[in-house]
N, C-alpha and C. Protein backbone atom coordinates (compact mmCIF):
# COMPACT_ATOMS: atom_id res chain seq x y z
N MET A 1 -47.21 32.51 48.87
CA MET A 1 -48.35 31.91 48.24
C MET A 1 -48.39 30.42 48.50
N ASP A 2 -47.83 29.97 49.57
CA ASP A 2 -47.74 28.56 49.86
C ASP A 2 -49.10 27.99 50.23
N GLY A 3 -49.78 27.37 49.28
CA GLY A 3 -51.02 26.68 49.53
C GLY A 3 -52.21 27.57 49.83
N ARG A 4 -52.10 28.85 49.62
CA ARG A 4 -53.22 29.75 49.88
C ARG A 4 -54.30 29.59 48.81
N THR A 5 -55.50 29.87 49.20
CA THR A 5 -56.62 29.83 48.27
C THR A 5 -56.99 31.26 47.91
N TRP A 6 -57.14 31.52 46.62
CA TRP A 6 -57.41 32.86 46.13
C TRP A 6 -58.71 32.85 45.35
N SER A 7 -59.44 33.96 45.42
CA SER A 7 -60.64 34.09 44.60
C SER A 7 -60.22 34.35 43.16
N ARG A 8 -61.11 34.12 42.22
CA ARG A 8 -60.79 34.33 40.81
C ARG A 8 -60.43 35.79 40.55
N ALA A 9 -61.14 36.73 41.16
CA ALA A 9 -60.86 38.16 40.97
C ALA A 9 -59.48 38.52 41.52
N ALA A 10 -59.14 37.98 42.70
CA ALA A 10 -57.83 38.26 43.28
C ALA A 10 -56.72 37.67 42.41
N MET A 11 -56.95 36.48 41.85
CA MET A 11 -55.94 35.85 41.00
C MET A 11 -55.73 36.65 39.73
N LEU A 12 -56.80 37.14 39.13
CA LEU A 12 -56.67 37.95 37.93
C LEU A 12 -55.90 39.23 38.23
N ALA A 13 -56.15 39.85 39.37
CA ALA A 13 -55.42 41.06 39.74
C ALA A 13 -53.95 40.74 39.95
N LEU A 14 -53.67 39.61 40.56
CA LEU A 14 -52.29 39.20 40.80
C LEU A 14 -51.59 38.88 39.49
N ALA A 15 -52.26 38.19 38.58
CA ALA A 15 -51.66 37.82 37.29
C ALA A 15 -51.30 39.05 36.48
N VAL A 16 -52.12 40.10 36.56
CA VAL A 16 -51.84 41.34 35.84
C VAL A 16 -50.63 42.04 36.45
N ALA A 17 -50.48 41.95 37.76
CA ALA A 17 -49.39 42.65 38.45
C ALA A 17 -48.06 41.94 38.29
N LEU A 18 -48.06 40.61 38.09
CA LEU A 18 -46.81 39.86 37.97
C LEU A 18 -46.27 39.93 36.56
N PRO A 19 -44.94 40.07 36.40
CA PRO A 19 -44.38 40.10 35.05
C PRO A 19 -44.38 38.73 34.39
N ILE A 20 -44.39 37.65 35.17
CA ILE A 20 -44.39 36.29 34.64
C ILE A 20 -45.60 35.58 35.22
N SER A 21 -46.36 34.92 34.38
CA SER A 21 -47.57 34.24 34.84
C SER A 21 -47.24 32.97 35.60
N PRO A 22 -47.80 32.79 36.80
CA PRO A 22 -47.59 31.55 37.53
C PRO A 22 -48.50 30.45 36.99
N VAL A 23 -48.24 29.21 37.39
CA VAL A 23 -49.10 28.10 37.01
C VAL A 23 -50.35 28.18 37.87
N VAL A 24 -51.52 28.10 37.26
CA VAL A 24 -52.78 28.30 37.96
C VAL A 24 -53.69 27.11 37.70
N THR A 25 -54.34 26.61 38.75
CA THR A 25 -55.37 25.58 38.59
C THR A 25 -56.64 26.08 39.24
N THR A 26 -57.78 25.75 38.65
CA THR A 26 -59.07 26.19 39.17
C THR A 26 -59.86 24.96 39.59
N THR A 27 -60.48 25.05 40.78
CA THR A 27 -61.33 23.95 41.25
C THR A 27 -62.68 24.51 41.67
N ALA A 28 -63.71 23.72 41.53
CA ALA A 28 -65.05 24.13 41.95
C ALA A 28 -65.85 22.89 42.32
N SER A 29 -66.77 23.06 43.24
CA SER A 29 -67.69 21.97 43.58
C SER A 29 -69.07 22.58 43.80
N ALA A 30 -70.05 21.74 44.02
CA ALA A 30 -71.42 22.22 44.17
C ALA A 30 -71.60 23.04 45.44
N THR A 31 -70.78 22.78 46.46
CA THR A 31 -70.97 23.47 47.75
C THR A 31 -70.02 24.64 47.94
N THR A 32 -68.99 24.75 47.13
CA THR A 32 -68.03 25.84 47.33
C THR A 32 -67.97 26.72 46.10
N ALA A 33 -67.48 27.91 46.30
CA ALA A 33 -67.28 28.82 45.18
C ALA A 33 -66.02 28.41 44.43
N SER A 34 -65.89 28.87 43.23
CA SER A 34 -64.72 28.58 42.42
C SER A 34 -63.49 29.25 43.06
N VAL A 35 -62.42 28.49 43.23
CA VAL A 35 -61.19 29.04 43.80
C VAL A 35 -60.02 28.75 42.88
N VAL A 36 -58.97 29.51 43.03
CA VAL A 36 -57.78 29.35 42.22
C VAL A 36 -56.62 29.07 43.14
N ARG A 37 -55.82 28.04 42.81
CA ARG A 37 -54.63 27.72 43.59
C ARG A 37 -53.41 28.09 42.76
N VAL A 38 -52.44 28.73 43.40
CA VAL A 38 -51.23 29.17 42.72
C VAL A 38 -50.08 28.27 43.13
N ALA A 39 -49.42 27.67 42.13
CA ALA A 39 -48.26 26.83 42.40
C ALA A 39 -47.01 27.68 42.19
N PRO A 40 -45.88 27.28 42.76
CA PRO A 40 -44.63 28.02 42.53
C PRO A 40 -44.35 28.11 41.03
N HIS A 41 -43.73 29.20 40.62
CA HIS A 41 -43.45 29.42 39.21
C HIS A 41 -42.61 28.29 38.62
N GLY A 42 -42.95 27.86 37.41
CA GLY A 42 -42.15 26.88 36.70
C GLY A 42 -42.69 25.47 36.73
N SER A 43 -43.60 25.16 37.65
CA SER A 43 -44.16 23.81 37.66
C SER A 43 -45.49 23.83 38.37
N ASP A 44 -46.22 22.72 38.25
CA ASP A 44 -47.50 22.66 38.93
C ASP A 44 -47.41 21.90 40.25
N ASP A 45 -46.27 21.30 40.55
CA ASP A 45 -46.13 20.56 41.80
C ASP A 45 -44.99 21.07 42.67
N GLY A 46 -44.35 22.13 42.27
CA GLY A 46 -43.26 22.69 43.06
C GLY A 46 -41.91 22.06 42.78
N ALA A 47 -41.86 20.99 41.98
CA ALA A 47 -40.58 20.33 41.67
C ALA A 47 -39.86 21.10 40.57
N LYS A 48 -38.56 21.13 40.67
CA LYS A 48 -37.75 21.83 39.67
C LYS A 48 -37.71 21.01 38.38
N ASP A 49 -37.92 21.66 37.26
CA ASP A 49 -37.86 20.99 35.96
C ASP A 49 -36.42 21.03 35.48
N ASP A 50 -35.72 19.92 35.59
CA ASP A 50 -34.30 19.90 35.24
C ASP A 50 -34.03 19.18 33.93
N ARG A 51 -35.05 19.04 33.07
CA ARG A 51 -34.84 18.36 31.80
C ARG A 51 -33.79 19.07 30.96
N ALA A 52 -33.80 20.40 30.97
CA ALA A 52 -32.82 21.14 30.18
C ALA A 52 -31.42 20.89 30.71
N ASP A 53 -31.27 20.71 32.03
CA ASP A 53 -29.97 20.43 32.60
C ASP A 53 -29.46 19.06 32.17
N ARG A 54 -30.38 18.13 31.90
CA ARG A 54 -29.99 16.79 31.48
C ARG A 54 -29.83 16.70 29.97
N GLY A 55 -30.07 17.79 29.25
CA GLY A 55 -29.95 17.80 27.81
C GLY A 55 -31.12 17.16 27.10
N GLU A 56 -32.27 17.07 27.76
CA GLU A 56 -33.44 16.49 27.14
C GLU A 56 -34.36 17.60 26.63
N HIS A 57 -35.05 17.29 25.55
CA HIS A 57 -36.04 18.20 25.02
C HIS A 57 -37.23 18.21 25.97
N LYS A 58 -37.91 19.32 26.07
CA LYS A 58 -39.02 19.43 27.00
C LYS A 58 -40.23 18.59 26.55
N GLN A 59 -40.23 18.14 25.31
CA GLN A 59 -41.33 17.31 24.86
C GLN A 59 -40.80 15.95 24.45
N LYS A 60 -41.51 14.93 24.85
CA LYS A 60 -41.25 13.56 24.43
C LYS A 60 -39.91 13.01 24.88
N GLY A 61 -39.20 13.66 25.81
CA GLY A 61 -37.95 13.14 26.34
C GLY A 61 -36.82 13.06 25.33
N LYS A 62 -36.93 13.78 24.21
CA LYS A 62 -35.90 13.73 23.18
C LYS A 62 -34.72 14.61 23.58
N ALA A 63 -33.55 14.28 23.05
CA ALA A 63 -32.37 15.08 23.33
C ALA A 63 -32.54 16.47 22.73
N ALA A 64 -32.08 17.48 23.45
CA ALA A 64 -32.22 18.86 23.01
C ALA A 64 -31.23 19.16 21.89
N ARG A 65 -31.66 20.01 20.98
CA ARG A 65 -30.78 20.52 19.94
C ARG A 65 -30.48 21.95 20.31
N ALA A 66 -29.23 22.28 20.41
CA ALA A 66 -28.85 23.62 20.82
C ALA A 66 -28.13 24.32 19.67
N LYS A 67 -28.57 25.54 19.40
CA LYS A 67 -27.87 26.34 18.40
C LYS A 67 -26.54 26.78 18.99
N PHE A 68 -25.53 26.87 18.15
CA PHE A 68 -24.26 27.40 18.62
C PHE A 68 -23.73 28.44 17.65
N ASN A 69 -22.92 29.33 18.18
CA ASN A 69 -22.24 30.38 17.43
C ASN A 69 -20.91 30.56 18.13
N LEU A 70 -19.87 29.89 17.61
CA LEU A 70 -18.57 29.87 18.26
C LEU A 70 -17.51 30.47 17.36
N GLY A 71 -16.55 31.13 17.97
CA GLY A 71 -15.45 31.71 17.23
C GLY A 71 -14.12 31.28 17.80
N GLY A 72 -13.10 31.34 16.98
CA GLY A 72 -11.77 30.98 17.45
C GLY A 72 -10.74 31.04 16.34
N ARG A 73 -9.64 30.34 16.55
CA ARG A 73 -8.52 30.31 15.60
C ARG A 73 -8.44 28.92 14.97
N LEU A 74 -8.48 28.86 13.64
CA LEU A 74 -8.48 27.60 12.91
C LEU A 74 -7.16 26.86 13.10
N THR A 75 -7.25 25.57 13.50
CA THR A 75 -6.04 24.76 13.71
C THR A 75 -5.92 23.63 12.70
N ALA A 76 -7.06 23.22 12.07
CA ALA A 76 -7.00 22.15 11.06
C ALA A 76 -8.25 22.18 10.20
N VAL A 77 -8.06 21.75 8.94
CA VAL A 77 -9.17 21.60 8.00
C VAL A 77 -9.03 20.23 7.35
N ASP A 78 -10.08 19.43 7.39
CA ASP A 78 -10.08 18.13 6.73
C ASP A 78 -11.16 18.16 5.66
N VAL A 79 -10.73 18.40 4.42
CA VAL A 79 -11.68 18.53 3.32
C VAL A 79 -12.38 17.20 3.06
N GLU A 80 -11.63 16.08 3.13
CA GLU A 80 -12.19 14.75 2.88
C GLU A 80 -13.32 14.44 3.86
N ALA A 81 -13.09 14.71 5.16
CA ALA A 81 -14.08 14.42 6.19
C ALA A 81 -15.13 15.52 6.31
N GLY A 82 -14.84 16.69 5.74
CA GLY A 82 -15.77 17.81 5.82
C GLY A 82 -15.82 18.42 7.21
N THR A 83 -14.65 18.56 7.85
CA THR A 83 -14.59 19.11 9.20
C THR A 83 -13.59 20.26 9.29
N VAL A 84 -13.83 21.11 10.27
CA VAL A 84 -12.86 22.14 10.64
C VAL A 84 -12.61 22.00 12.14
N THR A 85 -11.37 22.24 12.54
CA THR A 85 -11.01 22.20 13.95
C THR A 85 -10.44 23.55 14.32
N PHE A 86 -10.91 24.09 15.45
CA PHE A 86 -10.40 25.39 15.88
C PHE A 86 -10.36 25.47 17.39
N ARG A 87 -9.46 26.34 17.89
CA ARG A 87 -9.39 26.61 19.31
C ARG A 87 -10.43 27.67 19.61
N VAL A 88 -11.40 27.32 20.46
CA VAL A 88 -12.55 28.18 20.73
C VAL A 88 -12.14 29.34 21.63
N HIS A 89 -12.50 30.56 21.20
CA HIS A 89 -12.21 31.76 21.98
C HIS A 89 -13.48 32.41 22.51
N GLY A 90 -14.60 32.23 21.82
CA GLY A 90 -15.82 32.89 22.25
C GLY A 90 -17.06 32.13 21.84
N GLY A 91 -18.16 32.47 22.51
CA GLY A 91 -19.44 31.84 22.25
C GLY A 91 -20.14 31.59 23.57
N LYS A 92 -21.41 31.19 23.51
CA LYS A 92 -22.17 31.02 24.75
C LYS A 92 -21.87 29.71 25.47
N PHE A 93 -21.21 28.75 24.81
CA PHE A 93 -20.86 27.49 25.45
C PHE A 93 -19.51 27.65 26.15
N LYS A 94 -19.56 28.13 27.39
CA LYS A 94 -18.35 28.43 28.13
C LYS A 94 -17.50 27.19 28.38
N ALA A 95 -18.12 26.02 28.43
CA ALA A 95 -17.40 24.79 28.71
C ALA A 95 -16.39 24.45 27.62
N VAL A 96 -16.58 24.92 26.40
CA VAL A 96 -15.66 24.59 25.32
C VAL A 96 -14.64 25.70 25.04
N ARG A 97 -14.75 26.82 25.72
CA ARG A 97 -13.78 27.90 25.52
C ARG A 97 -12.39 27.43 25.93
N GLY A 98 -11.41 27.76 25.10
CA GLY A 98 -10.03 27.37 25.38
C GLY A 98 -9.70 25.96 24.94
N THR A 99 -10.65 25.25 24.37
CA THR A 99 -10.40 23.88 23.90
C THR A 99 -10.41 23.85 22.39
N GLU A 100 -9.85 22.77 21.83
CA GLU A 100 -9.95 22.56 20.39
C GLU A 100 -11.22 21.78 20.12
N LEU A 101 -12.00 22.26 19.16
CA LEU A 101 -13.28 21.65 18.85
C LEU A 101 -13.32 21.33 17.37
N THR A 102 -13.72 20.10 17.04
CA THR A 102 -13.90 19.70 15.65
C THR A 102 -15.38 19.78 15.32
N VAL A 103 -15.69 20.49 14.26
CA VAL A 103 -17.07 20.73 13.84
C VAL A 103 -17.26 20.15 12.44
N ILE A 104 -18.34 19.40 12.27
CA ILE A 104 -18.69 18.88 10.94
C ILE A 104 -19.34 20.02 10.17
N VAL A 105 -18.90 20.22 8.94
CA VAL A 105 -19.50 21.24 8.08
C VAL A 105 -20.56 20.54 7.23
N ALA A 106 -21.81 20.91 7.41
CA ALA A 106 -22.94 20.25 6.74
C ALA A 106 -22.84 20.42 5.23
N ASP A 107 -23.40 19.43 4.52
CA ASP A 107 -23.50 19.56 3.06
C ASP A 107 -24.35 20.78 2.75
N GLY A 108 -23.91 21.58 1.84
CA GLY A 108 -24.65 22.78 1.47
C GLY A 108 -24.44 23.94 2.42
N ALA A 109 -23.51 23.81 3.37
CA ALA A 109 -23.25 24.89 4.32
C ALA A 109 -22.66 26.09 3.59
N ARG A 110 -22.94 27.26 4.11
CA ARG A 110 -22.40 28.49 3.55
C ARG A 110 -21.00 28.71 4.14
N VAL A 111 -19.99 28.71 3.28
CA VAL A 111 -18.61 28.91 3.71
C VAL A 111 -18.09 30.18 3.05
N ARG A 112 -17.52 31.07 3.87
CA ARG A 112 -16.97 32.33 3.36
C ARG A 112 -15.58 32.55 3.94
N ARG A 113 -14.72 33.18 3.16
CA ARG A 113 -13.39 33.57 3.64
C ARG A 113 -13.12 34.97 3.13
N ASN A 114 -12.75 35.85 4.03
CA ASN A 114 -12.48 37.26 3.71
C ASN A 114 -13.65 37.88 2.95
N GLU A 115 -14.86 37.61 3.43
CA GLU A 115 -16.11 38.15 2.90
C GLU A 115 -16.45 37.70 1.49
N ALA A 116 -15.85 36.61 1.00
CA ALA A 116 -16.15 36.08 -0.33
C ALA A 116 -16.52 34.61 -0.20
N ALA A 117 -17.34 34.12 -1.11
CA ALA A 117 -17.72 32.71 -1.10
C ALA A 117 -16.46 31.86 -1.21
N ALA A 118 -16.44 30.73 -0.48
CA ALA A 118 -15.25 29.89 -0.45
C ALA A 118 -15.65 28.43 -0.26
N THR A 119 -14.66 27.56 -0.30
CA THR A 119 -14.84 26.15 0.01
C THR A 119 -13.96 25.82 1.21
N LEU A 120 -14.11 24.63 1.75
CA LEU A 120 -13.25 24.23 2.87
C LEU A 120 -11.77 24.25 2.47
N ALA A 121 -11.48 23.92 1.22
CA ALA A 121 -10.09 23.90 0.75
C ALA A 121 -9.47 25.30 0.77
N ASP A 122 -10.29 26.34 0.72
CA ASP A 122 -9.78 27.72 0.74
C ASP A 122 -9.38 28.18 2.14
N LEU A 123 -9.90 27.54 3.17
CA LEU A 123 -9.58 27.93 4.55
C LEU A 123 -8.15 27.53 4.89
N GLN A 124 -7.49 28.35 5.70
CA GLN A 124 -6.10 28.09 6.05
C GLN A 124 -5.92 28.11 7.56
N VAL A 125 -5.01 27.26 8.03
CA VAL A 125 -4.69 27.22 9.45
C VAL A 125 -4.23 28.61 9.88
N GLY A 126 -4.73 29.08 11.00
CA GLY A 126 -4.40 30.40 11.51
C GLY A 126 -5.49 31.43 11.25
N ASP A 127 -6.44 31.11 10.37
CA ASP A 127 -7.55 32.02 10.10
C ASP A 127 -8.41 32.20 11.36
N ARG A 128 -8.97 33.40 11.51
CA ARG A 128 -10.02 33.60 12.52
C ARG A 128 -11.26 32.97 11.93
N VAL A 129 -11.99 32.19 12.74
CA VAL A 129 -13.14 31.47 12.21
C VAL A 129 -14.33 31.61 13.15
N ARG A 130 -15.51 31.64 12.56
CA ARG A 130 -16.77 31.64 13.31
C ARG A 130 -17.65 30.58 12.67
N ALA A 131 -18.16 29.66 13.49
CA ALA A 131 -19.02 28.60 13.01
C ALA A 131 -20.38 28.72 13.69
N LYS A 132 -21.45 28.58 12.91
CA LYS A 132 -22.82 28.63 13.42
C LYS A 132 -23.54 27.37 12.99
N GLY A 133 -24.29 26.78 13.91
CA GLY A 133 -25.02 25.57 13.56
C GLY A 133 -25.75 24.98 14.74
N LEU A 134 -25.87 23.63 14.76
CA LEU A 134 -26.59 22.93 15.80
C LEU A 134 -25.71 21.88 16.46
N ARG A 135 -25.88 21.74 17.78
CA ARG A 135 -25.22 20.68 18.54
C ARG A 135 -26.32 19.71 18.94
N HIS A 136 -26.12 18.43 18.60
CA HIS A 136 -27.12 17.41 18.91
C HIS A 136 -26.39 16.12 19.25
N ASP A 137 -26.67 15.57 20.43
CA ASP A 137 -26.04 14.33 20.90
C ASP A 137 -24.51 14.43 20.86
N GLY A 138 -23.97 15.58 21.23
CA GLY A 138 -22.51 15.75 21.29
C GLY A 138 -21.85 15.98 19.94
N VAL A 139 -22.63 16.07 18.87
CA VAL A 139 -22.09 16.31 17.53
C VAL A 139 -22.36 17.76 17.15
N TRP A 140 -21.31 18.47 16.78
CA TRP A 140 -21.41 19.88 16.40
C TRP A 140 -21.44 19.93 14.87
N THR A 141 -22.53 20.45 14.30
CA THR A 141 -22.68 20.53 12.85
C THR A 141 -22.91 21.98 12.45
N ALA A 142 -22.00 22.51 11.64
CA ALA A 142 -22.08 23.91 11.23
C ALA A 142 -22.86 24.06 9.93
N LYS A 143 -23.73 25.06 9.91
CA LYS A 143 -24.45 25.40 8.69
C LYS A 143 -23.82 26.62 8.02
N ARG A 144 -23.01 27.34 8.80
CA ARG A 144 -22.28 28.50 8.27
C ARG A 144 -20.89 28.53 8.88
N VAL A 145 -19.90 28.80 8.05
CA VAL A 145 -18.53 28.96 8.51
C VAL A 145 -17.99 30.22 7.85
N LYS A 146 -17.49 31.12 8.68
CA LYS A 146 -16.93 32.37 8.17
C LYS A 146 -15.50 32.46 8.67
N ALA A 147 -14.56 32.65 7.76
CA ALA A 147 -13.15 32.74 8.13
C ALA A 147 -12.55 34.02 7.59
N GLU A 148 -11.55 34.51 8.31
CA GLU A 148 -10.81 35.69 7.86
C GLU A 148 -9.33 35.43 8.11
N SER A 149 -8.52 35.79 7.12
CA SER A 149 -7.08 35.64 7.30
C SER A 149 -6.61 36.65 8.34
N PRO A 150 -5.48 36.36 9.00
CA PRO A 150 -5.00 37.27 10.06
C PRO A 150 -4.73 38.69 9.58
N ASP A 151 -4.39 38.85 8.30
CA ASP A 151 -4.08 40.20 7.80
C ASP A 151 -5.27 40.85 7.09
N PHE A 152 -6.44 40.23 7.12
CA PHE A 152 -7.62 40.79 6.46
C PHE A 152 -8.20 41.91 7.29
N HIS A 153 -8.53 43.03 6.62
CA HIS A 153 -9.16 44.17 7.28
C HIS A 153 -10.42 44.52 6.51
N HIS A 154 -11.50 44.79 7.24
CA HIS A 154 -12.76 45.17 6.62
C HIS A 154 -12.62 46.54 5.98
N ASP A 155 -13.21 46.69 4.79
CA ASP A 155 -13.26 47.98 4.13
C ASP A 155 -14.63 48.55 4.40
N ASP A 156 -14.75 49.33 5.50
CA ASP A 156 -16.04 49.83 5.94
C ASP A 156 -16.58 50.99 5.12
N SER A 157 -15.72 51.73 4.45
CA SER A 157 -16.21 52.87 3.68
C SER A 157 -15.50 52.94 2.34
N ALA A 158 -16.20 53.52 1.37
CA ALA A 158 -15.64 53.63 0.03
C ALA A 158 -14.65 54.77 -0.07
N ASP A 159 -14.91 55.88 0.63
CA ASP A 159 -13.94 56.98 0.57
C ASP A 159 -13.27 57.13 1.93
N ASP A 160 -12.01 57.50 1.93
CA ASP A 160 -11.21 57.58 3.14
C ASP A 160 -11.25 58.94 3.82
N SER A 161 -11.93 59.92 3.22
CA SER A 161 -11.91 61.25 3.79
C SER A 161 -12.76 61.34 5.07
N GLY A 162 -13.80 60.51 5.16
CA GLY A 162 -14.61 60.48 6.37
C GLY A 162 -15.67 61.56 6.42
N ASP A 163 -15.62 62.58 5.55
CA ASP A 163 -16.61 63.64 5.61
C ASP A 163 -17.68 63.51 4.54
N GLY A 164 -17.57 62.48 3.69
CA GLY A 164 -18.58 62.27 2.65
C GLY A 164 -18.31 63.07 1.38
N ASN A 165 -17.36 63.97 1.41
CA ASN A 165 -17.02 64.77 0.24
C ASN A 165 -15.73 64.23 -0.36
N SER A 166 -15.72 64.09 -1.67
CA SER A 166 -14.49 63.61 -2.31
C SER A 166 -13.73 64.82 -2.86
N ALA A 167 -12.42 64.78 -2.70
CA ALA A 167 -11.60 65.89 -3.19
C ALA A 167 -11.29 65.67 -4.66
N ALA A 168 -11.37 66.75 -5.46
CA ALA A 168 -11.13 66.62 -6.89
C ALA A 168 -9.78 67.13 -7.25
């Protein structure tokens, strides 16, 4: 589609057939019929939009805020500073996997340990931890922190028989 000119009917047929809509501009003059020009997907001038790669928001050049959901093993808790530090084992930010990360726990954040409401003082080094929140300008701020002690096991069912019938 490099610089080709398409009729409006052909463009509509193409737009219906494509799973992703391309950028379309329409031009018309008194001597020519209305035509549609198709630019490469993602921009109107063919240039790659790398704002996300630079960490900028797509509007107004502001820094992007990225949601995070990271898990790992708790290595430190600072109640005074309101932070938790853990060795990251999982999450979509592959660059921080295997590193120790200090996360600020926001005021009013939901903190749980072993499926019960808790405070930062209740968390213990060695707990499995999952933190969810926002990363902005290199600062990781958690809105939720969930921790489990190494010996904690989920109680998935009320009866252990597995067949739904209780023995009397």
